[in-house]
Amino acid sequence: MNTTILIVDDEDNFRDGFKQYLTNKGFNVFGAANLTDARKLLRENQIDIVLLDVQIGKEYGPDLLDDINLTRPTPITILLTAYGEVDMAVAAMKNGAFDFMPKPLNLPELEKRLKEAEEMMQFRREMERYWTNAEKKFDFVEGQNPRMLRVFQDASRAAKAGVSVLINGETGSGKEIIAKYIHKNGSRSSKPMVAINCAAITPSVLESELFGHEAGSFTGATTKTQGLFEQADGGILFLDEISSMSLEMQAKILRAIEDKKIRRVGGIKEIPVDVQIVAASNRDLKKMMEEKTFRDDLYYRLRVVDVNIPPLRERTEDIPELAAFFIKYINRERGLNINGISPQVLKAFQKYNWPGNIRELRNVIERACILCLGDTIELCDIDREIAENSY
């Protein structure tokens, strides 16, 4: 689709001459001699670039910027200035104008500025698409990366089959997000998904957390308590960082999965449970099996379907969509109104290594949203270590 340009200038010869010149260059071009006609053309057409004279008869050209800024995606505005109007142009740029050029126009320079404006407009269209997607579905970002699309395909199939799933990925890469996706898209979505971080609980407490306990089974156990297996009955039990489990606990988990029964700590009665197990690890379980620190039988029992999440540094094409998703979420959560992110920031994001993966990206964006003085996240709003990647 050809780029569409609107020329707003009250000089007929100038407007008509440049309209013909730009048409010959392959642009779709509209002309307006006043702000009323310009507003009508903006409403009725998808305008990409506006060449806007600062002084249009008795009208002040930058007054059109309010209308331009309300258009989505917002056109790129290049102000056309006569001698002595530079200060007005600079002030207008603070209200959203992209650039300004002095009259008479230098044609090679104009073509250079139009090319830059086209690139910026392409960026805005992409961000508008990501923005729209973030509005439509407020749960998961599948992105464009082929490996990540495969992750969601495998997770969808595992959800429908209701089988055990082993999710592998670095810390912060989104393992729990995939577990929630499996829960939402499977036959168990109406039942609970119960999650536990196995690395955060001592082995002695972990057994009680998972299987529950009877009153009097240990000091402080004054009442009978259901464990997470029982709480997740009919739904999903998400065992995060399962690699941290002791071999003894691994054996008990394996038996519970195979028998579909559990016994509370201090109890003698076997209790039937129906749970789909989704486990996750940020460590290499195959290597742990070789080192005899993870049970082979449990590994293969969990790994009916295995899902391998790529780190964020290997799926940087998904960062714009993820950024739009997080901004929408943070706006809603914190009552903010951030509606954009500069291309320089996205460039920095896509060149940064993201050791903390998606979790780090979310935290960086949340901080930027809080510190942002305008409605667009700029380089000054993000950590210097990340901003330096834009140069």
Protein backbone atom coordinates (compact mmCIF):
# COMPACT_ATOMS: atom_id res chain seq x y z
CA MET A 1 0.00 0.00 0.00
CA ASN A 2 1.40 3.39 -1.06
CA THR A 3 2.11 5.98 1.61
CA THR A 4 -0.57 8.66 1.83
CA ILE A 5 0.48 12.29 2.33
CA LEU A 6 -1.68 15.28 3.24
CA ILE A 7 -0.29 18.71 2.29
CA VAL A 8 -1.85 21.55 4.30
CA ASP A 9 -0.85 24.91 2.81
CA ASP A 10 -2.83 27.94 1.66
CA GLU A 11 -0.48 28.71 -1.26
CA ASP A 12 -2.18 27.06 -4.25
CA ASN A 13 0.91 26.93 -6.46
CA PHE A 14 3.06 25.42 -3.73
CA ARG A 15 0.41 22.90 -2.67
CA ASP A 16 -0.53 21.81 -6.18
CA GLY A 17 3.06 21.70 -7.39
CA PHE A 18 4.24 19.47 -4.56
CA LYS A 19 1.12 17.34 -4.85
CA GLN A 20 2.07 16.57 -8.45
CA TYR A 21 5.75 16.07 -7.57
CA LEU A 22 4.99 13.60 -4.77
CA THR A 23 2.37 11.79 -6.86
CA ASN A 24 5.04 11.19 -9.50
CA LYS A 25 7.23 9.72 -6.74
CA GLY A 26 4.57 7.09 -6.02
CA PHE A 27 2.77 8.66 -3.04
CA ASN A 28 -0.99 9.07 -2.66
CA VAL A 29 -1.42 12.79 -2.06
CA PHE A 30 -4.24 14.98 -0.75
CA GLY A 31 -4.18 18.76 -0.48
CA ALA A 32 -5.97 21.15 1.88
CA ALA A 33 -5.93 24.94 1.80
CA ASN A 34 -7.27 25.37 5.34
CA LEU A 35 -7.65 23.48 8.63
CA THR A 36 -11.35 22.72 8.10
CA ASP A 37 -10.61 20.81 4.88
CA ALA A 38 -7.60 19.16 6.52
CA ARG A 39 -9.72 17.88 9.41
CA LYS A 40 -12.28 16.44 6.99
CA LEU A 41 -9.56 14.65 5.00
CA LEU A 42 -8.07 13.23 8.24
CA ARG A 43 -11.48 11.84 9.25
CA GLU A 44 -12.24 10.30 5.88
CA ASN A 45 -8.85 8.88 4.86
CA GLN A 46 -5.97 6.95 6.36
CA ILE A 47 -3.25 9.58 6.28
CA ASP A 48 0.35 8.51 6.95
CA ILE A 49 2.27 11.79 6.72
CA VAL A 50 1.11 15.40 7.09
CA LEU A 51 3.14 18.26 5.55
CA LEU A 52 1.77 21.14 7.59
CA ASP A 53 2.51 24.82 7.04
CA VAL A 54 2.93 26.77 10.28
CA GLN A 55 0.96 29.76 9.00
CA ILE A 56 -2.09 29.00 6.84
CA GLY A 57 -3.67 32.34 6.00
CA LYS A 58 -4.94 33.62 9.34
CA GLU A 59 -4.92 30.12 10.85
CA TYR A 60 -2.16 28.62 12.99
CA GLY A 61 -1.14 25.32 11.42
CA PRO A 62 -0.08 23.51 14.61
CA ASP A 63 -3.68 23.82 15.85
CA LEU A 64 -4.25 20.78 13.65
CA LEU A 65 -1.92 18.70 15.85
CA ASP A 66 -4.70 17.98 18.36
CA ASP A 67 -6.75 16.36 15.59
CA ILE A 68 -3.72 14.51 14.24
CA ASN A 69 -2.86 13.15 17.69
CA LEU A 70 -6.37 11.71 18.07
CA THR A 71 -6.02 9.72 14.83
CA ARG A 72 -4.96 6.05 15.09
CA PRO A 73 -2.39 5.19 13.98
CA THR A 74 -1.19 8.76 14.44
CA PRO A 75 0.19 10.30 11.21
CA ILE A 76 3.71 11.68 11.13
CA THR A 77 3.71 15.49 10.97
CA ILE A 78 6.46 17.52 9.28
CA LEU A 79 6.05 21.26 9.78
CA LEU A 80 6.88 23.64 6.93
CA THR A 81 8.34 26.87 8.28
CA ALA A 82 9.02 30.28 6.80
CA TYR A 83 11.78 32.58 8.03
CA GLY A 84 11.24 33.53 11.68
CA GLU A 85 8.89 30.62 12.49
CA VAL A 86 11.48 28.18 13.86
CA ASP A 87 10.59 28.90 17.50
CA MET A 88 6.93 28.10 16.78
CA ALA A 89 7.97 24.87 15.05
CA VAL A 90 10.08 23.77 18.01
CA ALA A 91 7.15 24.44 20.35
CA ALA A 92 4.87 22.43 18.05
CA MET A 93 7.28 19.47 18.12
CA LYS A 94 6.67 19.27 21.86
CA ASN A 95 3.02 18.68 20.99
CA GLY A 96 3.73 15.75 18.71
CA ALA A 97 5.22 17.10 15.47
CA PHE A 98 7.94 14.79 14.13
CA ASP A 99 10.18 17.28 12.34
CA PHE A 100 10.24 20.63 10.58
CA MET A 101 11.71 21.94 7.32
CA PRO A 102 12.30 25.52 6.16
CA LYS A 103 10.79 26.91 3.01
CA PRO A 104 11.71 26.88 0.18
CA LEU A 105 11.99 23.10 0.43
CA ASN A 106 15.17 21.29 -0.53
CA LEU A 107 13.91 18.33 -2.59
CA PRO A 108 16.65 15.76 -1.74
CA GLU A 109 16.29 16.69 1.93
CA LEU A 110 12.51 16.39 1.69
CA GLU A 111 12.78 12.88 0.23
CA LYS A 112 15.16 11.93 3.05
CA ARG A 113 12.72 13.23 5.69
CA LEU A 114 9.79 11.45 4.02
CA LYS A 115 11.71 8.17 4.08
CA GLU A 116 12.37 8.61 7.80
CA ALA A 117 8.70 9.44 8.33
CA GLU A 118 7.64 6.31 6.40
CA GLU A 119 9.83 4.16 8.66
CA MET A 120 8.35 5.79 11.75
CA MET A 121 4.82 5.29 10.40
CA GLN A 122 5.51 1.62 9.77
CA PHE A 123 6.63 1.34 13.39
CA ARG A 124 3.44 3.07 14.59
CA ARG A 125 1.26 0.73 12.52
CA GLU A 126 2.99 -2.27 14.06
CA MET A 127 2.58 -0.89 17.57
CA GLU A 128 -1.07 -0.10 16.88
CA ARG A 129 -1.59 -3.73 15.84
CA TYR A 130 0.13 -4.96 19.02
CA TRP A 131 -1.94 -2.48 21.03
CA THR A 132 -5.17 -3.82 19.48
CA ASN A 133 -4.12 -7.42 20.15
CA ALA A 134 -3.38 -6.55 23.77
CA GLU A 135 -6.91 -5.15 24.11
CA LYS A 136 -8.55 -8.20 22.55
CA LYS A 137 -6.88 -10.88 24.66
CA PHE A 138 -5.61 -9.99 28.07
CA ASP A 139 -4.10 -13.34 29.02
CA PHE A 140 -1.36 -14.66 26.75
CA VAL A 141 1.00 -13.30 24.10
CA GLU A 142 1.90 -15.96 21.58
CA GLY A 143 4.10 -13.64 19.51
CA GLN A 144 5.69 -14.34 16.12
CA ASN A 145 8.73 -16.45 17.03
CA PRO A 146 8.39 -19.93 15.44
CA ARG A 147 9.77 -21.71 18.50
CA MET A 148 7.35 -19.89 20.78
CA LEU A 149 4.42 -20.63 18.47
CA ARG A 150 5.42 -24.30 18.71
CA VAL A 151 5.38 -24.01 22.51
CA PHE A 152 1.77 -22.84 22.43
CA GLN A 153 0.82 -25.53 19.89
CA ASP A 154 2.30 -28.29 22.09
CA ALA A 155 0.74 -26.78 25.21
CA SER A 156 -2.67 -26.70 23.50
CA ARG A 157 -2.44 -30.35 22.52
CA ALA A 158 -1.34 -31.35 26.00
CA ALA A 159 -4.24 -29.35 27.47
CA LYS A 160 -6.78 -31.18 25.33
CA ALA A 161 -5.23 -34.59 26.07
CA GLY A 162 -5.03 -33.92 29.82
CA VAL A 163 -1.60 -35.57 30.12
CA SER A 164 1.39 -34.75 32.29
CA VAL A 165 3.57 -31.93 30.96
CA LEU A 166 7.17 -31.01 31.67
CA ILE A 167 8.02 -27.36 30.97
CA ASN A 168 11.68 -26.45 30.57
CA GLY A 169 13.02 -22.91 30.52
CA GLU A 170 15.29 -20.37 32.17
CA THR A 171 14.19 -18.46 35.24
CA GLY A 172 11.65 -15.81 34.29
CA SER A 173 10.99 -17.23 30.82
CA GLY A 174 7.27 -17.76 31.42
CA LYS A 175 6.88 -21.36 32.63
CA GLU A 176 3.94 -20.55 34.89
CA ILE A 177 2.30 -18.61 32.04
CA ILE A 178 2.37 -21.78 29.91
CA ALA A 179 0.99 -23.79 32.84
CA LYS A 180 -1.92 -21.32 33.09
CA TYR A 181 -2.43 -21.56 29.32
CA ILE A 182 -2.71 -25.35 29.61
CA HIS A 183 -5.22 -24.98 32.42
CA LYS A 184 -7.35 -22.42 30.58
CA ASN A 185 -7.44 -24.36 27.31
CA GLY A 186 -8.03 -27.86 28.68
CA SER A 187 -11.03 -29.80 29.90
CA ARG A 188 -10.06 -29.00 33.52
CA SER A 189 -10.47 -25.21 33.18
CA SER A 190 -13.54 -25.18 35.43
CA LYS A 191 -11.54 -26.84 38.22
CA PRO A 192 -8.69 -25.22 40.18
CA MET A 193 -5.08 -24.87 39.15
CA VAL A 194 -2.93 -25.06 42.29
CA ALA A 195 0.73 -24.01 42.10
CA ILE A 196 3.68 -24.55 44.39
CA ASN A 197 7.32 -23.51 44.09
CA CYS A 198 9.13 -26.60 45.34
CA ALA A 199 12.40 -24.69 45.77
CA ALA A 200 10.84 -22.25 48.23
CA ILE A 201 9.77 -24.87 50.79
CA THR A 202 11.93 -27.08 52.97
CA PRO A 203 11.66 -30.85 52.28
CA SER A 204 10.04 -31.56 55.66
CA VAL A 205 7.29 -29.01 55.04
CA LEU A 206 6.87 -29.83 51.35
CA GLU A 207 5.40 -33.27 52.05
CA SER A 208 2.74 -31.77 54.30
CA GLU A 209 2.00 -29.03 51.75
CA LEU A 210 1.48 -31.54 48.97
CA PHE A 211 -0.26 -34.39 50.76
CA GLY A 212 -1.81 -32.67 53.78
CA HIS A 213 -1.65 -33.96 57.34
CA GLU A 214 -3.79 -35.39 60.10
CA ALA A 215 -4.29 -33.69 63.43
CA GLY A 216 -1.48 -34.55 65.84
CA SER A 217 0.82 -35.91 63.13
CA PHE A 218 3.56 -33.48 64.19
CA THR A 219 4.08 -30.62 66.62
CA GLY A 220 1.75 -27.78 65.72
CA ALA A 221 -0.60 -29.94 63.60
CA THR A 222 -3.71 -29.22 65.62
CA THR A 223 -6.23 -29.83 62.84
CA LYS A 224 -6.63 -32.07 59.82
CA THR A 225 -5.44 -30.23 56.69
CA GLN A 226 -5.90 -30.95 53.01
CA GLY A 227 -2.77 -30.89 50.85
CA LEU A 228 -2.42 -29.42 47.39
CA PHE A 229 -3.17 -32.74 45.66
CA GLU A 230 -6.62 -32.73 47.25
CA GLN A 231 -7.15 -29.02 46.61
CA ALA A 232 -6.34 -29.55 42.93
CA ASP A 233 -8.63 -32.57 42.57
CA GLY A 234 -10.19 -32.50 39.11
CA GLY A 235 -7.82 -29.71 38.03
CA ILE A 236 -4.10 -29.11 37.63
CA LEU A 237 -1.25 -29.26 40.11
CA PHE A 238 1.66 -27.11 38.94
CA LEU A 239 4.97 -28.19 40.46
CA ASP A 240 7.39 -25.35 39.75
CA GLU A 241 11.15 -25.97 40.10
CA ILE A 242 10.59 -29.69 40.59
CA SER A 243 14.34 -30.21 40.19
CA SER A 244 14.80 -29.02 43.79
CA MET A 245 12.89 -32.00 45.23
CA SER A 246 14.76 -34.58 47.26
CA LEU A 247 14.93 -38.13 45.88
CA GLU A 248 12.67 -39.29 48.71
CA MET A 249 10.00 -36.76 47.81
CA GLN A 250 10.37 -37.58 44.13
CA ALA A 251 9.51 -41.21 44.94
CA LYS A 252 6.36 -40.15 46.82
CA ILE A 253 5.28 -37.88 43.96
CA LEU A 254 5.79 -40.69 41.47
CA ARG A 255 3.67 -43.07 43.52
CA ALA A 256 0.88 -40.49 43.86
CA ILE A 257 0.85 -39.94 40.10
CA GLU A 258 0.84 -43.65 39.25
CA ASP A 259 -1.67 -44.77 41.91
CA LYS A 260 -3.83 -41.62 41.71
CA LYS A 261 -4.01 -41.81 45.47
CA ILE A 262 -2.33 -39.94 48.30
CA ARG A 263 -1.95 -40.46 52.03
CA ARG A 264 -1.81 -37.50 54.38
CA VAL A 265 1.15 -37.17 56.73
CA GLY A 266 0.26 -39.17 59.84
CA GLY A 267 -2.70 -40.81 58.09
CA ILE A 268 -3.46 -44.41 57.13
CA LYS A 269 -6.31 -43.83 54.70
CA GLU A 270 -5.58 -43.63 50.98
CA ILE A 271 -7.46 -40.77 49.31
CA PRO A 272 -8.18 -40.92 45.56
CA VAL A 273 -7.17 -37.80 43.60
CA ASP A 274 -7.55 -36.90 39.95
CA VAL A 275 -5.02 -34.28 38.95
CA GLN A 276 -3.14 -33.35 35.81
CA ILE A 277 0.48 -32.74 36.70
CA VAL A 278 2.32 -29.86 35.06
CA ALA A 279 5.92 -29.62 36.23
CA ALA A 280 8.58 -27.04 35.43
CA SER A 281 12.33 -26.82 35.76
CA ASN A 282 15.05 -24.29 35.01
CA ARG A 283 17.71 -27.00 35.33
CA ASP A 284 18.74 -29.77 32.92
CA LEU A 285 16.86 -32.80 34.28
CA LYS A 286 18.62 -35.18 31.90
CA LYS A 287 21.95 -34.14 33.35
CA MET A 288 20.54 -34.52 36.85
CA MET A 289 19.44 -38.05 35.94
CA GLU A 290 23.01 -38.86 34.90
CA GLU A 291 24.19 -37.45 38.22
CA LYS A 292 21.56 -39.58 40.03
CA THR A 293 19.92 -36.51 41.58
CA PHE A 294 16.66 -36.88 39.65
CA ARG A 295 14.75 -40.12 39.20
CA ASP A 296 14.54 -41.54 35.68
CA ASP A 297 11.09 -43.02 36.27
CA LEU A 298 9.64 -39.74 37.51
CA TYR A 299 11.20 -37.86 34.60
CA TYR A 300 9.59 -40.10 32.01
CA ARG A 301 6.29 -40.11 33.89
CA LEU A 302 6.21 -36.32 33.85
CA ARG A 303 7.48 -35.97 30.30
CA VAL A 304 4.48 -37.27 28.39
CA VAL A 305 4.65 -33.91 26.62
CA ASP A 306 7.67 -31.68 27.06
CA VAL A 307 7.61 -27.97 26.29
CA ASN A 308 10.84 -26.04 25.86
CA ILE A 309 10.53 -22.25 26.22
CA PRO A 310 13.21 -20.23 24.42
CA PRO A 311 14.82 -17.39 26.40
CA LEU A 312 13.73 -13.86 25.54
CA ARG A 313 17.09 -13.03 23.93
CA GLU A 314 16.29 -15.67 21.28
CA ARG A 315 12.80 -14.30 20.50
CA THR A 316 13.38 -10.55 20.35
CA GLU A 317 10.84 -10.17 17.53
CA ASP A 318 8.17 -10.73 20.18
CA ILE A 319 9.32 -7.84 22.40
CA PRO A 320 7.07 -5.14 20.83
CA GLU A 321 3.95 -7.26 21.39
CA LEU A 322 5.05 -8.24 24.89
CA ALA A 323 5.77 -4.59 25.71
CA ALA A 324 2.31 -3.49 24.52
CA PHE A 325 0.73 -6.30 26.54
CA PHE A 326 2.57 -5.33 29.74
CA ILE A 327 1.83 -1.62 29.32
CA LYS A 328 -1.89 -2.35 28.93
CA TYR A 329 -1.80 -4.60 32.00
CA ILE A 330 0.13 -2.09 34.12
CA ASN A 331 -2.15 0.77 33.00
CA ARG A 332 -5.14 -1.20 34.22
CA GLU A 333 -3.44 -2.37 37.41
CA ARG A 334 -2.07 1.03 38.45
CA GLY A 335 -4.56 3.41 36.86
CA LEU A 336 -1.98 4.86 34.45
CA ASN A 337 -2.42 6.09 30.88
CA ILE A 338 0.79 5.20 29.04
CA ASN A 339 -0.07 4.76 25.38
CA GLY A 340 3.22 4.33 23.60
CA ILE A 341 6.86 3.35 23.58
CA SER A 342 9.51 5.06 21.48
CA PRO A 343 11.34 3.18 18.70
CA GLN A 344 14.64 3.98 20.44
CA VAL A 345 13.45 2.14 23.54
CA LEU A 346 12.32 -0.85 21.48
CA LYS A 347 15.69 -0.88 19.73
CA ALA A 348 17.41 -0.94 23.12
CA PHE A 349 15.09 -3.71 24.33
CA GLN A 350 15.78 -5.86 21.27
CA LYS A 351 19.56 -5.54 21.63
CA TYR A 352 19.64 -6.19 25.40
CA ASN A 353 20.43 -9.72 26.62
CA TRP A 354 17.56 -10.05 29.20
CA PRO A 355 19.17 -12.41 31.75
CA GLY A 356 15.91 -12.27 33.73
CA ASN A 357 13.81 -12.97 30.62
CA ILE A 358 10.14 -11.94 30.47
CA ARG A 359 9.95 -11.31 34.21
CA GLU A 360 12.76 -8.74 33.87
CA LEU A 361 11.06 -7.13 30.85
CA ARG A 362 7.84 -6.73 32.81
CA ASN A 363 9.66 -5.17 35.76
CA VAL A 364 11.57 -2.76 33.50
CA ILE A 365 8.34 -1.66 31.80
CA GLU A 366 6.50 -1.27 35.11
CA ARG A 367 9.29 0.95 36.43
CA ALA A 368 9.27 2.97 33.20
CA CYS A 369 5.49 3.42 33.34
CA ILE A 370 5.73 4.74 36.90
CA LEU A 371 8.62 7.14 36.14
CA CYS A 372 7.35 8.28 32.73
CA LEU A 373 6.47 12.00 32.74
CA GLY A 374 4.54 11.90 29.45
CA ASP A 375 2.40 9.26 27.80
CA THR A 376 5.23 7.57 25.89
CA ILE A 377 8.10 5.58 27.39
CA GLU A 378 11.42 7.15 26.36
CA LEU A 379 15.06 6.19 26.90
CA CYS A 380 15.27 8.42 29.97
CA ASP A 381 12.58 6.27 31.63
CA ILE A 382 14.52 2.98 31.50
CA ASP A 383 17.69 1.72 33.17
CA ARG A 384 20.88 3.18 31.72
CA GLU A 385 22.35 -0.30 31.26
CA ILE A 386 19.49 -1.12 28.87
CA ALA A 387 19.22 2.35 27.26
CA GLU A 388 22.85 2.20 26.16
CA ASN A 389 21.91 -0.60 23.75
CA SER A 390 20.06 1.91 21.55
CA TYR A 391 23.30 3.57 20.36
